[in-house]
Amino acid sequence: MRTFISAASCFAMATFLTPAASAQQILAQQQTVKFLCLAPAGHVCQITVRTGTSPINFALPSGQRREVPGITPYSDKYCVCDPGPTTPDCKAPRLDHWCMGSWLDVTPGENSQNDTRKNHFARQ
């Protein structure tokens, strides 16, 4: 009976600690990622990053950079629109707007691109 209780206790502890270990792994993967707006002069990039906890929304004037903490590269997704705000499908709502065209994985150092014209408007 003691062997059964010991085994059950070990199993219970393992299942209790597993979520904590997963949370620690996620935190270890999170980074501060730098975003740069490469829109034409006078424009403002509206950026939304979908994270595992909550979206991060911010605006960057052309040529400006911002470091954003708590990003999990290759897991979190982002969208850039000009003017904003970003849209749920990351597509331009009108002809006088620009959006990337789809939500992309945050990949530090890569350009975001508009699917139709391959315009480079933002960089991480």
PDB file of N, CA and C in Angstrom:
ATOM      1  N   MET A   1       0.822  -1.191   0.000  1.00  0.00           N
ATOM      2  CA  MET A   1       0.000   0.000   0.000  1.00  0.00           C
ATOM      3  C   MET A   1       0.868   1.257   0.000  1.00  0.00           C
ATOM      4  N   ARG A   2       1.975   1.218   0.760  1.00  0.00           N
ATOM      5  CA  ARG A   2       2.867   2.379   0.790  1.00  0.00           C
ATOM      6  C   ARG A   2       3.479   2.631  -0.577  1.00  0.00           C
ATOM      7  N   THR A   3       3.801   1.555  -1.284  1.00  0.00           N
ATOM      8  CA  THR A   3       4.373   1.702  -2.622  1.00  0.00           C
ATOM      9  C   THR A   3       3.371   2.391  -3.535  1.00  0.00           C
ATOM     10  N   PHE A   4       2.095   1.995  -3.448  1.00  0.00           N
ATOM     11  CA  PHE A   4       1.051   2.604  -4.258  1.00  0.00           C
ATOM     12  C   PHE A   4       0.910   4.086  -3.925  1.00  0.00           C
ATOM     13  N   ILE A   5       0.907   4.436  -2.642  1.00  0.00           N
ATOM     14  CA  ILE A   5       0.769   5.837  -2.223  1.00  0.00           C
ATOM     15  C   ILE A   5       1.975   6.646  -2.690  1.00  0.00           C
ATOM     16  N   SER A   6       3.164   6.072  -2.567  1.00  0.00           N
ATOM     17  CA  SER A   6       4.367   6.775  -3.022  1.00  0.00           C
ATOM     18  C   SER A   6       4.315   7.012  -4.528  1.00  0.00           C
ATOM     19  N   ALA A   7       3.910   5.979  -5.283  1.00  0.00           N
ATOM     20  CA  ALA A   7       3.818   6.117  -6.732  1.00  0.00           C
ATOM     21  C   ALA A   7       2.762   7.160  -7.091  1.00  0.00           C
ATOM     22  N   ALA A   8       1.633   7.128  -6.416  1.00  0.00           N
ATOM     23  CA  ALA A   8       0.562   8.094  -6.686  1.00  0.00           C
ATOM     24  C   ALA A   8       1.022   9.505  -6.341  1.00  0.00           C
ATOM     25  N   SER A   9       1.755   9.664  -5.263  1.00  0.00           N
ATOM     26  CA  SER A   9       2.273  10.977  -4.868  1.00  0.00           C
ATOM     27  C   SER A   9       3.252  11.504  -5.905  1.00  0.00           C
ATOM     28  N   CYS A  10       4.130  10.646  -6.392  1.00  0.00           N
ATOM     29  CA  CYS A  10       5.098  11.058  -7.413  1.00  0.00           C
ATOM     30  C   CYS A  10       4.384  11.471  -8.695  1.00  0.00           C
ATOM     31  N   PHE A  11       3.366  10.692  -9.091  1.00  0.00           N
ATOM     32  CA  PHE A  11       2.609  11.008 -10.287  1.00  0.00           C
ATOM     33  C   PHE A  11       1.900  12.348 -10.121  1.00  0.00           C
ATOM     34  N   ALA A  12       1.287  12.553  -8.956  1.00  0.00           N
ATOM     35  CA  ALA A  12       0.571  13.808  -8.697  1.00  0.00           C
ATOM     36  C   ALA A  12       1.533  14.992  -8.726  1.00  0.00           C
ATOM     37  N   MET A  13       2.698  14.849  -8.155  1.00  0.00           N
ATOM     38  CA  MET A  13       3.691  15.925  -8.140  1.00  0.00           C
ATOM     39  C   MET A  13       4.170  16.214  -9.564  1.00  0.00           C
ATOM     40  N   ALA A  14       4.366  15.166 -10.352  1.00  0.00           N
ATOM     41  CA  ALA A  14       4.831  15.350 -11.727  1.00  0.00           C
ATOM     42  C   ALA A  14       3.801  16.111 -12.546  1.00  0.00           C
ATOM     43  N   THR A  15       2.532  15.769 -12.385  1.00  0.00           N
ATOM     44  CA  THR A  15       1.498  16.463 -13.155  1.00  0.00           C
ATOM     45  C   THR A  15       1.311  17.889 -12.648  1.00  0.00           C
ATOM     46  N   PHE A  16       1.545  18.114 -11.369  1.00  0.00           N
ATOM     47  CA  PHE A  16       1.438  19.456 -10.810  1.00  0.00           C
ATOM     48  C   PHE A  16       2.586  20.335 -11.299  1.00  0.00           C
ATOM     49  N   LEU A  17       3.786  19.781 -11.403  1.00  0.00           N
ATOM     50  CA  LEU A  17       4.960  20.555 -11.789  1.00  0.00           C
ATOM     51  C   LEU A  17       5.082  20.753 -13.304  1.00  0.00           C
ATOM     52  N   THR A  18       4.450  19.929 -14.099  1.00  0.00           N
ATOM     53  CA  THR A  18       4.550  20.033 -15.549  1.00  0.00           C
ATOM     54  C   THR A  18       4.079  21.386 -16.072  1.00  0.00           C
ATOM     55  N   PRO A  19       2.914  21.906 -15.649  1.00  0.00           N
ATOM     56  CA  PRO A  19       2.527  23.238 -16.130  1.00  0.00           C
ATOM     57  C   PRO A  19       3.535  24.310 -15.730  1.00  0.00           C
ATOM     58  N   ALA A  20       4.109  24.207 -14.540  1.00  0.00           N
ATOM     59  CA  ALA A  20       5.098  25.186 -14.108  1.00  0.00           C
ATOM     60  C   ALA A  20       6.336  25.105 -15.001  1.00  0.00           C
ATOM     61  N   ALA A  21       6.738  23.900 -15.355  1.00  0.00           N
ATOM     62  CA  ALA A  21       7.894  23.734 -16.241  1.00  0.00           C
ATOM     63  C   ALA A  21       7.591  24.325 -17.614  1.00  0.00           C
ATOM     64  N   SER A  22       6.381  24.101 -18.126  1.00  0.00           N
ATOM     65  CA  SER A  22       6.006  24.662 -19.426  1.00  0.00           C
ATOM     66  C   SER A  22       6.023  26.186 -19.373  1.00  0.00           C
ATOM     67  N   ALA A  23       5.520  26.762 -18.304  1.00  0.00           N
ATOM     68  CA  ALA A  23       5.522  28.217 -18.157  1.00  0.00           C
ATOM     69  C   ALA A  23       6.953  28.745 -18.120  1.00  0.00           C
ATOM     70  N   GLN A  24       7.842  28.038 -17.439  1.00  0.00           N
ATOM     71  CA  GLN A  24       9.239  28.458 -17.387  1.00  0.00           C
ATOM     72  C   GLN A  24       9.877  28.379 -18.772  1.00  0.00           C
ATOM     73  N   GLN A  25       9.553  27.351 -19.545  1.00  0.00           N
ATOM     74  CA  GLN A  25      10.097  27.229 -20.895  1.00  0.00           C
ATOM     75  C   GLN A  25       9.619  28.370 -21.780  1.00  0.00           C
ATOM     76  N   ILE A  26       8.342  28.719 -21.660  1.00  0.00           N
ATOM     77  CA  ILE A  26       7.797  29.818 -22.457  1.00  0.00           C
ATOM     78  C   ILE A  26       8.486  31.124 -22.082  1.00  0.00           C
ATOM     79  N   LEU A  27       8.641  31.366 -20.761  1.00  0.00           N
ATOM     80  CA  LEU A  27       9.314  32.579 -20.330  1.00  0.00           C
ATOM     81  C   LEU A  27      10.752  32.617 -20.828  1.00  0.00           C
ATOM     82  N   ALA A  28      11.414  31.471 -20.842  1.00  0.00           N
ATOM     83  CA  ALA A  28      12.793  31.410 -21.318  1.00  0.00           C
ATOM     84  C   ALA A  28      12.872  31.723 -22.801  1.00  0.00           C
ATOM     85  N   GLN A  29      11.814  31.439 -23.555  1.00  0.00           N
ATOM     86  CA  GLN A  29      11.806  31.686 -24.999  1.00  0.00           C
ATOM     87  C   GLN A  29      11.472  33.136 -25.323  1.00  0.00           C
ATOM     88  N   GLN A  30      10.839  33.844 -24.392  1.00  0.00           N
ATOM     89  CA  GLN A  30      10.444  35.217 -24.662  1.00  0.00           C
ATOM     90  C   GLN A  30      11.670  36.108 -24.789  1.00  0.00           C
ATOM     91  N   GLN A  31      11.568  37.066 -25.692  1.00  0.00           N
ATOM     92  CA  GLN A  31      12.671  37.979 -25.961  1.00  0.00           C
ATOM     93  C   GLN A  31      12.150  39.398 -26.115  1.00  0.00           C
ATOM     94  N   THR A  32      13.073  40.317 -26.085  1.00  0.00           N
ATOM     95  CA  THR A  32      12.770  41.680 -26.485  1.00  0.00           C
ATOM     96  C   THR A  32      13.104  41.770 -27.966  1.00  0.00           C
ATOM     97  N   VAL A  33      12.120  42.173 -28.759  1.00  0.00           N
ATOM     98  CA  VAL A  33      12.280  42.233 -30.215  1.00  0.00           C
ATOM     99  C   VAL A  33      12.168  43.692 -30.647  1.00  0.00           C
ATOM    100  N   LYS A  34      13.067  44.106 -31.524  1.00  0.00           N
ATOM    101  CA  LYS A  34      13.073  45.474 -32.023  1.00  0.00           C
ATOM    102  C   LYS A  34      12.266  45.555 -33.314  1.00  0.00           C
ATOM    103  N   PHE A  35      11.318  46.498 -33.360  1.00  0.00           N
ATOM    104  CA  PHE A  35      10.536  46.764 -34.559  1.00  0.00           C
ATOM    105  C   PHE A  35      10.965  48.108 -35.128  1.00  0.00           C
ATOM    106  N   LEU A  36      10.991  48.228 -36.443  1.00  0.00           N
ATOM    107  CA  LEU A  36      11.376  49.450 -37.144  1.00  0.00           C
ATOM    108  C   LEU A  36      10.339  49.707 -38.224  1.00  0.00           C
ATOM    109  N   CYS A  37       9.854  50.940 -38.294  1.00  0.00           N
ATOM    110  CA  CYS A  37       8.896  51.304 -39.341  1.00  0.00           C
ATOM    111  C   CYS A  37       9.654  51.831 -40.552  1.00  0.00           C
ATOM    112  N   LEU A  38       9.484  51.177 -41.686  1.00  0.00           N
ATOM    113  CA  LEU A  38      10.125  51.590 -42.936  1.00  0.00           C
ATOM    114  C   LEU A  38       9.112  52.165 -43.922  1.00  0.00           C
ATOM    115  N   ALA A  39       7.999  52.671 -43.407  1.00  0.00           N
ATOM    116  CA  ALA A  39       6.996  53.295 -44.274  1.00  0.00           C
ATOM    117  C   ALA A  39       7.576  54.574 -44.874  1.00  0.00           C
ATOM    118  N   PRO A  40       6.995  55.063 -45.968  1.00  0.00           N
ATOM    119  CA  PRO A  40       7.471  56.327 -46.544  1.00  0.00           C
ATOM    120  C   PRO A  40       7.385  57.468 -45.521  1.00  0.00           C
ATOM    121  N   ALA A  41       8.207  58.491 -45.721  1.00  0.00           N
ATOM    122  CA  ALA A  41       8.227  59.645 -44.808  1.00  0.00           C
ATOM    123  C   ALA A  41       6.819  60.188 -44.602  1.00  0.00           C
ATOM    124  N   GLY A  42       6.508  60.535 -43.373  1.00  0.00           N
ATOM    125  CA  GLY A  42       5.201  61.080 -43.029  1.00  0.00           C
ATOM    126  C   GLY A  42       4.158  60.033 -42.695  1.00  0.00           C
ATOM    127  N   HIS A  43       4.459  58.766 -42.875  1.00  0.00           N
ATOM    128  CA  HIS A  43       3.522  57.682 -42.563  1.00  0.00           C
ATOM    129  C   HIS A  43       3.781  57.153 -41.160  1.00  0.00           C
ATOM    130  N   VAL A  44       2.809  56.413 -40.630  1.00  0.00           N
ATOM    131  CA  VAL A  44       2.923  55.805 -39.309  1.00  0.00           C
ATOM    132  C   VAL A  44       2.505  54.343 -39.414  1.00  0.00           C
ATOM    133  N   CYS A  45       3.385  53.449 -39.007  1.00  0.00           N
ATOM    134  CA  CYS A  45       3.058  52.019 -38.973  1.00  0.00           C
ATOM    135  C   CYS A  45       2.236  51.737 -37.713  1.00  0.00           C
ATOM    136  N   GLN A  46       1.091  51.111 -37.889  1.00  0.00           N
ATOM    137  CA  GLN A  46       0.276  50.646 -36.774  1.00  0.00           C
ATOM    138  C   GLN A  46       0.568  49.159 -36.640  1.00  0.00           C
ATOM    139  N   ILE A  47       1.093  48.739 -35.503  1.00  0.00           N
ATOM    140  CA  ILE A  47       1.559  47.367 -35.326  1.00  0.00           C
ATOM    141  C   ILE A  47       0.796  46.702 -34.190  1.00  0.00           C
ATOM    142  N   THR A  48       0.373  45.464 -34.435  1.00  0.00           N
ATOM    143  CA  THR A  48      -0.226  44.627 -33.400  1.00  0.00           C
ATOM    144  C   THR A  48       0.539  43.318 -33.367  1.00  0.00           C
ATOM    145  N   VAL A  49       0.912  42.900 -32.159  1.00  0.00           N
ATOM    146  CA  VAL A  49       1.572  41.610 -31.966  1.00  0.00           C
ATOM    147  C   VAL A  49       0.622  40.764 -31.128  1.00  0.00           C
ATOM    148  N   ARG A  50       0.228  39.611 -31.661  1.00  0.00           N
ATOM    149  CA  ARG A  50      -0.616  38.665 -30.909  1.00  0.00           C
ATOM    150  C   ARG A  50       0.304  37.738 -30.129  1.00  0.00           C
ATOM    151  N   THR A  51       0.263  37.866 -28.803  1.00  0.00           N
ATOM    152  CA  THR A  51       1.082  37.023 -27.938  1.00  0.00           C
ATOM    153  C   THR A  51       0.195  35.979 -27.282  1.00  0.00           C
ATOM    154  N   GLY A  52       0.805  35.082 -26.524  1.00  0.00           N
ATOM    155  CA  GLY A  52       0.049  34.055 -25.811  1.00  0.00           C
ATOM    156  C   GLY A  52      -0.819  34.614 -24.708  1.00  0.00           C
ATOM    157  N   THR A  53      -0.519  35.842 -24.259  1.00  0.00           N
ATOM    158  CA  THR A  53      -1.293  36.417 -23.157  1.00  0.00           C
ATOM    159  C   THR A  53      -2.275  37.480 -23.627  1.00  0.00           C
ATOM    160  N   SER A  54      -1.801  38.488 -24.338  1.00  0.00           N
ATOM    161  CA  SER A  54      -2.686  39.545 -24.818  1.00  0.00           C
ATOM    162  C   SER A  54      -2.015  40.268 -25.975  1.00  0.00           C
ATOM    163  N   PRO A  55      -2.808  40.929 -26.814  1.00  0.00           N
ATOM    164  CA  PRO A  55      -2.197  41.643 -27.940  1.00  0.00           C
ATOM    165  C   PRO A  55      -1.442  42.879 -27.459  1.00  0.00           C
ATOM    166  N   ILE A  56      -0.391  43.211 -28.198  1.00  0.00           N
ATOM    167  CA  ILE A  56       0.380  44.422 -27.947  1.00  0.00           C
ATOM    168  C   ILE A  56       0.166  45.318 -29.157  1.00  0.00           C
ATOM    169  N   ASN A  57      -0.366  46.509 -28.942  1.00  0.00           N
ATOM    170  CA  ASN A  57      -0.642  47.466 -30.015  1.00  0.00           C
ATOM    171  C   ASN A  57       0.235  48.696 -29.832  1.00  0.00           C
ATOM    172  N   PHE A  58       0.850  49.172 -30.915  1.00  0.00           N
ATOM    173  CA  PHE A  58       1.613  50.409 -30.836  1.00  0.00           C
ATOM    174  C   PHE A  58       1.774  51.006 -32.228  1.00  0.00           C
ATOM    175  N   ALA A  59       2.091  52.287 -32.249  1.00  0.00           N
ATOM    176  CA  ALA A  59       2.303  53.014 -33.501  1.00  0.00           C
ATOM    177  C   ALA A  59       3.760  53.454 -33.566  1.00  0.00           C
ATOM    178  N   LEU A  60       4.317  53.416 -34.775  1.00  0.00           N
ATOM    179  CA  LEU A  60       5.686  53.879 -34.998  1.00  0.00           C
ATOM    180  C   LEU A  60       5.706  54.800 -36.215  1.00  0.00           C
ATOM    181  N   PRO A  61       6.147  56.036 -36.032  1.00  0.00           N
ATOM    182  CA  PRO A  61       6.327  56.905 -37.194  1.00  0.00           C
ATOM    183  C   PRO A  61       7.447  56.372 -38.083  1.00  0.00           C
ATOM    184  N   SER A  62       7.407  56.722 -39.338  1.00  0.00           N
ATOM    185  CA  SER A  62       8.413  56.274 -40.294  1.00  0.00           C
ATOM    186  C   SER A  62       9.823  56.543 -39.770  1.00  0.00           C
ATOM    187  N   GLY A  63      10.677  55.519 -39.856  1.00  0.00           N
ATOM    188  CA  GLY A  63      12.061  55.631 -39.419  1.00  0.00           C
ATOM    189  C   GLY A  63      12.292  55.380 -37.944  1.00  0.00           C
ATOM    190  N   GLN A  64      11.240  55.238 -37.161  1.00  0.00           N
ATOM    191  CA  GLN A  64      11.378  55.038 -35.710  1.00  0.00           C
ATOM    192  C   GLN A  64      11.517  53.560 -35.382  1.00  0.00           C
ATOM    193  N   ARG A  65      12.177  53.280 -34.254  1.00  0.00           N
ATOM    194  CA  ARG A  65      12.360  51.920 -33.732  1.00  0.00           C
ATOM    195  C   ARG A  65      11.721  51.822 -32.359  1.00  0.00           C
ATOM    196  N   ARG A  66      11.333  50.592 -32.012  1.00  0.00           N
ATOM    197  CA  ARG A  66      10.818  50.343 -30.667  1.00  0.00           C
ATOM    198  C   ARG A  66      11.166  48.923 -30.266  1.00  0.00           C
ATOM    199  N   GLU A  67      11.685  48.774 -29.057  1.00  0.00           N
ATOM    200  CA  GLU A  67      11.947  47.446 -28.511  1.00  0.00           C
ATOM    201  C   GLU A  67      10.719  47.013 -27.723  1.00  0.00           C
ATOM    202  N   VAL A  68      10.243  45.813 -28.012  1.00  0.00           N
ATOM    203  CA  VAL A  68       9.036  45.283 -27.376  1.00  0.00           C
ATOM    204  C   VAL A  68       9.408  44.016 -26.608  1.00  0.00           C
ATOM    205  N   PRO A  69       9.270  44.037 -25.272  1.00  0.00           N
ATOM    206  CA  PRO A  69       9.603  42.853 -24.474  1.00  0.00           C
ATOM    207  C   PRO A  69       8.470  41.839 -24.467  1.00  0.00           C
ATOM    208  N   GLY A  70       8.780  40.616 -24.045  1.00  0.00           N
ATOM    209  CA  GLY A  70       7.762  39.588 -23.852  1.00  0.00           C
ATOM    210  C   GLY A  70       7.273  38.934 -25.123  1.00  0.00           C
ATOM    211  N   ILE A  71       8.085  38.942 -26.172  1.00  0.00           N
ATOM    212  CA  ILE A  71       7.705  38.347 -27.461  1.00  0.00           C
ATOM    213  C   ILE A  71       8.315  36.952 -27.560  1.00  0.00           C
ATOM    214  N   THR A  72       7.528  35.996 -28.040  1.00  0.00           N
ATOM    215  CA  THR A  72       8.031  34.645 -28.277  1.00  0.00           C
ATOM    216  C   THR A  72       8.187  34.471 -29.787  1.00  0.00           C
ATOM    217  N   PRO A  73       9.438  34.604 -30.289  1.00  0.00           N
ATOM    218  CA  PRO A  73       9.658  34.469 -31.727  1.00  0.00           C
ATOM    219  C   PRO A  73       9.162  33.132 -32.271  1.00  0.00           C
ATOM    220  N   TYR A  74       8.701  33.163 -33.520  1.00  0.00           N
ATOM    221  CA  TYR A  74       8.210  31.997 -34.265  1.00  0.00           C
ATOM    222  C   TYR A  74       6.894  31.447 -33.717  1.00  0.00           C
ATOM    223  N   SER A  75       6.372  32.038 -32.635  1.00  0.00           N
ATOM    224  CA  SER A  75       5.097  31.630 -32.065  1.00  0.00           C
ATOM    225  C   SER A  75       4.113  32.797 -32.122  1.00  0.00           C
ATOM    226  N   ASP A  76       4.542  33.976 -31.655  1.00  0.00           N
ATOM    227  CA  ASP A  76       3.691  35.158 -31.691  1.00  0.00           C
ATOM    228  C   ASP A  76       3.574  35.652 -33.130  1.00  0.00           C
ATOM    229  N   LYS A  77       2.439  36.241 -33.455  1.00  0.00           N
ATOM    230  CA  LYS A  77       2.162  36.740 -34.805  1.00  0.00           C
ATOM    231  C   LYS A  77       2.044  38.264 -34.761  1.00  0.00           C
ATOM    232  N   TYR A  78       2.361  38.907 -35.896  1.00  0.00           N
ATOM    233  CA  TYR A  78       2.214  40.353 -35.957  1.00  0.00           C
ATOM    234  C   TYR A  78       1.629  40.793 -37.285  1.00  0.00           C
ATOM    235  N   CYS A  79       1.064  42.002 -37.249  1.00  0.00           N
ATOM    236  CA  CYS A  79       0.469  42.628 -38.423  1.00  0.00           C
ATOM    237  C   CYS A  79       0.853  44.100 -38.403  1.00  0.00           C
ATOM    238  N   VAL A  80       1.091  44.664 -39.583  1.00  0.00           N
ATOM    239  CA  VAL A  80       1.394  46.085 -39.720  1.00  0.00           C
ATOM    240  C   VAL A  80       0.437  46.673 -40.747  1.00  0.00           C
ATOM    241  N   CYS A  81      -0.173  47.806 -40.398  1.00  0.00           N
ATOM    242  CA  CYS A  81      -1.049  48.533 -41.314  1.00  0.00           C
ATOM    243  C   CYS A  81      -0.667  50.009 -41.305  1.00  0.00           C
ATOM    244  N   ASP A  82      -0.989  50.708 -42.400  1.00  0.00           N
ATOM    245  CA  ASP A  82      -0.723  52.141 -42.508  1.00  0.00           C
ATOM    246  C   ASP A  82      -1.816  52.735 -43.370  1.00  0.00           C
ATOM    247  N   PRO A  83      -2.651  53.638 -42.943  1.00  0.00           N
ATOM    248  CA  PRO A  83      -2.810  53.956 -41.538  1.00  0.00           C
ATOM    249  C   PRO A  83      -3.555  52.837 -40.842  1.00  0.00           C
ATOM    250  N   GLY A  84      -3.664  52.887 -39.584  1.00  0.00           N
ATOM    251  CA  GLY A  84      -4.284  51.809 -38.819  1.00  0.00           C
ATOM    252  C   GLY A  84      -5.716  52.114 -38.507  1.00  0.00           C
ATOM    253  N   PRO A  85      -6.252  51.361 -37.623  1.00  0.00           N
ATOM    254  CA  PRO A  85      -5.611  50.298 -36.855  1.00  0.00           C
ATOM    255  C   PRO A  85      -5.464  49.021 -37.683  1.00  0.00           C
ATOM    256  N   THR A  86      -4.740  48.057 -37.126  1.00  0.00           N
ATOM    257  CA  THR A  86      -4.635  46.774 -37.807  1.00  0.00           C
ATOM    258  C   THR A  86      -6.010  46.119 -37.843  1.00  0.00           C
ATOM    259  N   THR A  87      -6.211  45.261 -38.816  1.00  0.00           N
ATOM    260  CA  THR A  87      -7.500  44.603 -38.996  1.00  0.00           C
ATOM    261  C   THR A  87      -7.402  43.139 -38.563  1.00  0.00           C
ATOM    262  N   PRO A  88      -8.535  42.500 -38.227  1.00  0.00           N
ATOM    263  CA  PRO A  88      -8.490  41.108 -37.776  1.00  0.00           C
ATOM    264  C   PRO A  88      -7.855  40.148 -38.780  1.00  0.00           C
ATOM    265  N   ASP A  89      -7.993  40.429 -40.091  1.00  0.00           N
ATOM    266  CA  ASP A  89      -7.402  39.548 -41.099  1.00  0.00           C
ATOM    267  C   ASP A  89      -6.103  40.116 -41.677  1.00  0.00           C
ATOM    268  N   CYS A  90      -5.668  41.272 -41.172  1.00  0.00           N
ATOM    269  CA  CYS A  90      -4.428  41.944 -41.598  1.00  0.00           C
ATOM    270  C   CYS A  90      -4.471  42.309 -43.080  1.00  0.00           C
ATOM    271  N   LYS A  91      -5.675  42.606 -43.570  1.00  0.00           N
ATOM    272  CA  LYS A  91      -5.831  43.051 -44.953  1.00  0.00           C
ATOM    273  C   LYS A  91      -6.335  44.500 -44.933  1.00  0.00           C
ATOM    274  N   ALA A  92      -5.925  45.271 -45.921  1.00  0.00           N
ATOM    275  CA  ALA A  92      -6.318  46.674 -46.000  1.00  0.00           C
ATOM    276  C   ALA A  92      -7.837  46.788 -46.144  1.00  0.00           C
ATOM    277  N   PRO A  93      -8.475  47.623 -45.298  1.00  0.00           N
ATOM    278  CA  PRO A  93      -9.930  47.742 -45.376  1.00  0.00           C
ATOM    279  C   PRO A  93     -10.409  48.607 -46.544  1.00  0.00           C
ATOM    280  N   ARG A  94      -9.517  49.485 -47.061  1.00  0.00           N
ATOM    281  CA  ARG A  94      -9.880  50.372 -48.169  1.00  0.00           C
ATOM    282  C   ARG A  94      -8.676  50.536 -49.090  1.00  0.00           C
ATOM    283  N   LEU A  95      -8.906  51.079 -50.264  1.00  0.00           N
ATOM    284  CA  LEU A  95      -7.831  51.252 -51.234  1.00  0.00           C
ATOM    285  C   LEU A  95      -6.753  52.228 -50.765  1.00  0.00           C
ATOM    286  N   ASP A  96      -7.115  53.195 -49.913  1.00  0.00           N
ATOM    287  CA  ASP A  96      -6.120  54.165 -49.450  1.00  0.00           C
ATOM    288  C   ASP A  96      -5.388  53.694 -48.189  1.00  0.00           C
ATOM    289  N   HIS A  97      -5.541  52.418 -47.836  1.00  0.00           N
ATOM    290  CA  HIS A  97      -4.846  51.814 -46.692  1.00  0.00           C
ATOM    291  C   HIS A  97      -3.860  50.761 -47.202  1.00  0.00           C
ATOM    292  N   TRP A  98      -2.893  50.449 -46.376  1.00  0.00           N
ATOM    293  CA  TRP A  98      -1.946  49.381 -46.667  1.00  0.00           C
ATOM    294  C   TRP A  98      -1.864  48.484 -45.441  1.00  0.00           C
ATOM    295  N   CYS A  99      -1.906  47.190 -45.634  1.00  0.00           N
ATOM    296  CA  CYS A  99      -1.664  46.204 -44.572  1.00  0.00           C
ATOM    297  C   CYS A  99      -0.808  45.090 -45.168  1.00  0.00           C
ATOM    298  N   MET A 100      -0.151  44.329 -44.325  1.00  0.00           N
ATOM    299  CA  MET A 100       0.746  43.274 -44.792  1.00  0.00           C
ATOM    300  C   MET A 100       0.024  42.207 -45.603  1.00  0.00           C
ATOM    301  N   GLY A 101      -1.242  41.957 -45.309  1.00  0.00           N
ATOM    302  CA  GLY A 101      -1.999  40.958 -46.056  1.00  0.00           C
ATOM    303  C   GLY A 101      -2.229  39.673 -45.293  1.00  0.00           C
ATOM    304  N   SER A 102      -1.404  39.412 -44.270  1.00  0.00           N
ATOM    305  CA  SER A 102      -1.608  38.233 -43.419  1.00  0.00           C
ATOM    306  C   SER A 102      -0.792  38.407 -42.139  1.00  0.00           C
ATOM    307  N   TRP A 103      -1.202  37.678 -41.115  1.00  0.00           N
ATOM    308  CA  TRP A 103      -0.464  37.681 -39.850  1.00  0.00           C
ATOM    309  C   TRP A 103       0.764  36.795 -40.019  1.00  0.00           C
ATOM    310  N   LEU A 104       1.923  37.309 -39.678  1.00  0.00           N
ATOM    311  CA  LEU A 104       3.173  36.573 -39.835  1.00  0.00           C
ATOM    312  C   LEU A 104       3.795  36.254 -38.490  1.00  0.00           C
ATOM    313  N   ASP A 105       4.572  35.179 -38.444  1.00  0.00           N
ATOM    314  CA  ASP A 105       5.320  34.855 -37.233  1.00  0.00           C
ATOM    315  C   ASP A 105       6.339  35.954 -36.966  1.00  0.00           C
ATOM    316  N   VAL A 106       6.507  36.302 -35.704  1.00  0.00           N
ATOM    317  CA  VAL A 106       7.575  37.225 -35.340  1.00  0.00           C
ATOM    318  C   VAL A 106       8.894  36.476 -35.534  1.00  0.00           C
ATOM    319  N   THR A 107       9.702  36.954 -36.468  1.00  0.00           N
ATOM    320  CA  THR A 107      10.994  36.362 -36.779  1.00  0.00           C
ATOM    321  C   THR A 107      12.015  37.489 -36.703  1.00  0.00           C
ATOM    322  N   PRO A 108      12.740  37.601 -35.598  1.00  0.00           N
ATOM    323  CA  PRO A 108      13.655  38.736 -35.431  1.00  0.00           C
ATOM    324  C   PRO A 108      14.588  38.915 -36.626  1.00  0.00           C
ATOM    325  N   GLY A 109      14.644  40.166 -37.119  1.00  0.00           N
ATOM    326  CA  GLY A 109      15.549  40.505 -38.199  1.00  0.00           C
ATOM    327  C   GLY A 109      14.979  40.409 -39.598  1.00  0.00           C
ATOM    328  N   GLU A 110      13.779  39.852 -39.770  1.00  0.00           N
ATOM    329  CA  GLU A 110      13.202  39.721 -41.116  1.00  0.00           C
ATOM    330  C   GLU A 110      12.253  40.862 -41.413  1.00  0.00           C
ATOM    331  N   ASN A 111      12.097  41.178 -42.691  1.00  0.00           N
ATOM    332  CA  ASN A 111      11.151  42.205 -43.122  1.00  0.00           C
ATOM    333  C   ASN A 111       9.739  41.660 -43.123  1.00  0.00           C
ATOM    334  N   SER A 112       8.794  42.525 -42.802  1.00  0.00           N
ATOM    335  CA  SER A 112       7.400  42.175 -43.038  1.00  0.00           C
ATOM    336  C   SER A 112       7.103  42.587 -44.469  1.00  0.00           C
ATOM    337  N   GLN A 113       6.235  41.887 -45.105  1.00  0.00           N
ATOM    338  CA  GLN A 113       5.962  42.166 -46.511  1.00  0.00           C
ATOM    339  C   GLN A 113       4.466  42.160 -46.782  1.00  0.00           C
ATOM    340  N   ASN A 114       4.062  42.983 -47.713  1.00  0.00           N
ATOM    341  CA  ASN A 114       2.695  42.966 -48.213  1.00  0.00           C
ATOM    342  C   ASN A 114       2.632  41.839 -49.237  1.00  0.00           C
ATOM    343  N   ASP A 115       1.668  40.957 -49.102  1.00  0.00           N
ATOM    344  CA  ASP A 115       1.577  39.796 -49.994  1.00  0.00           C
ATOM    345  C   ASP A 115       1.428  40.171 -51.461  1.00  0.00           C
ATOM    346  N   THR A 116       0.742  41.273 -51.769  1.00  0.00           N
ATOM    347  CA  THR A 116       0.460  41.567 -53.169  1.00  0.00           C
ATOM    348  C   THR A 116       1.600  42.275 -53.883  1.00  0.00           C
ATOM    349  N   ARG A 117       2.250  43.230 -53.234  1.00  0.00           N
ATOM    350  CA  ARG A 117       3.289  44.005 -53.910  1.00  0.00           C
ATOM    351  C   ARG A 117       4.679  43.794 -53.313  1.00  0.00           C
ATOM    352  N   LYS A 118       4.787  43.010 -52.269  1.00  0.00           N
ATOM    353  CA  LYS A 118       6.062  42.760 -51.591  1.00  0.00           C
ATOM    354  C   LYS A 118       6.727  44.060 -51.128  1.00  0.00           C
ATOM    355  N   ASN A 119       5.902  45.027 -50.677  1.00  0.00           N
ATOM    356  CA  ASN A 119       6.429  46.277 -50.142  1.00  0.00           C
ATOM    357  C   ASN A 119       7.033  46.025 -48.772  1.00  0.00           C
ATOM    358  N   HIS A 120       8.160  46.605 -48.502  1.00  0.00           N
ATOM    359  CA  HIS A 120       8.804  46.469 -47.195  1.00  0.00           C
ATOM    360  C   HIS A 120       8.447  47.693 -46.360  1.00  0.00           C
ATOM    361  N   PHE A 121       7.556  47.536 -45.406  1.00  0.00           N
ATOM    362  CA  PHE A 121       7.119  48.659 -44.591  1.00  0.00           C
ATOM    363  C   PHE A 121       7.616  48.570 -43.157  1.00  0.00           C
ATOM    364  N   ALA A 122       7.925  47.408 -42.676  1.00  0.00           N
ATOM    365  CA  ALA A 122       8.341  47.299 -41.286  1.00  0.00           C
ATOM    366  C   ALA A 122       9.433  46.260 -41.194  1.00  0.00           C
ATOM    367  N   ARG A 123      10.245  46.404 -40.191  1.00  0.00           N
ATOM    368  CA  ARG A 123      11.324  45.455 -39.981  1.00  0.00           C
ATOM    369  C   ARG A 123      11.391  45.194 -38.488  1.00  0.00           C
ATOM    370  N   GLN A 124      11.721  43.970 -38.136  1.00  0.00           N
ATOM    371  CA  GLN A 124      11.841  43.624 -36.724  1.00  0.00           C
ATOM    372  C   GLN A 124      13.299  43.583 -36.356  1.00  0.00           C
TER     373      GLN A 124
END
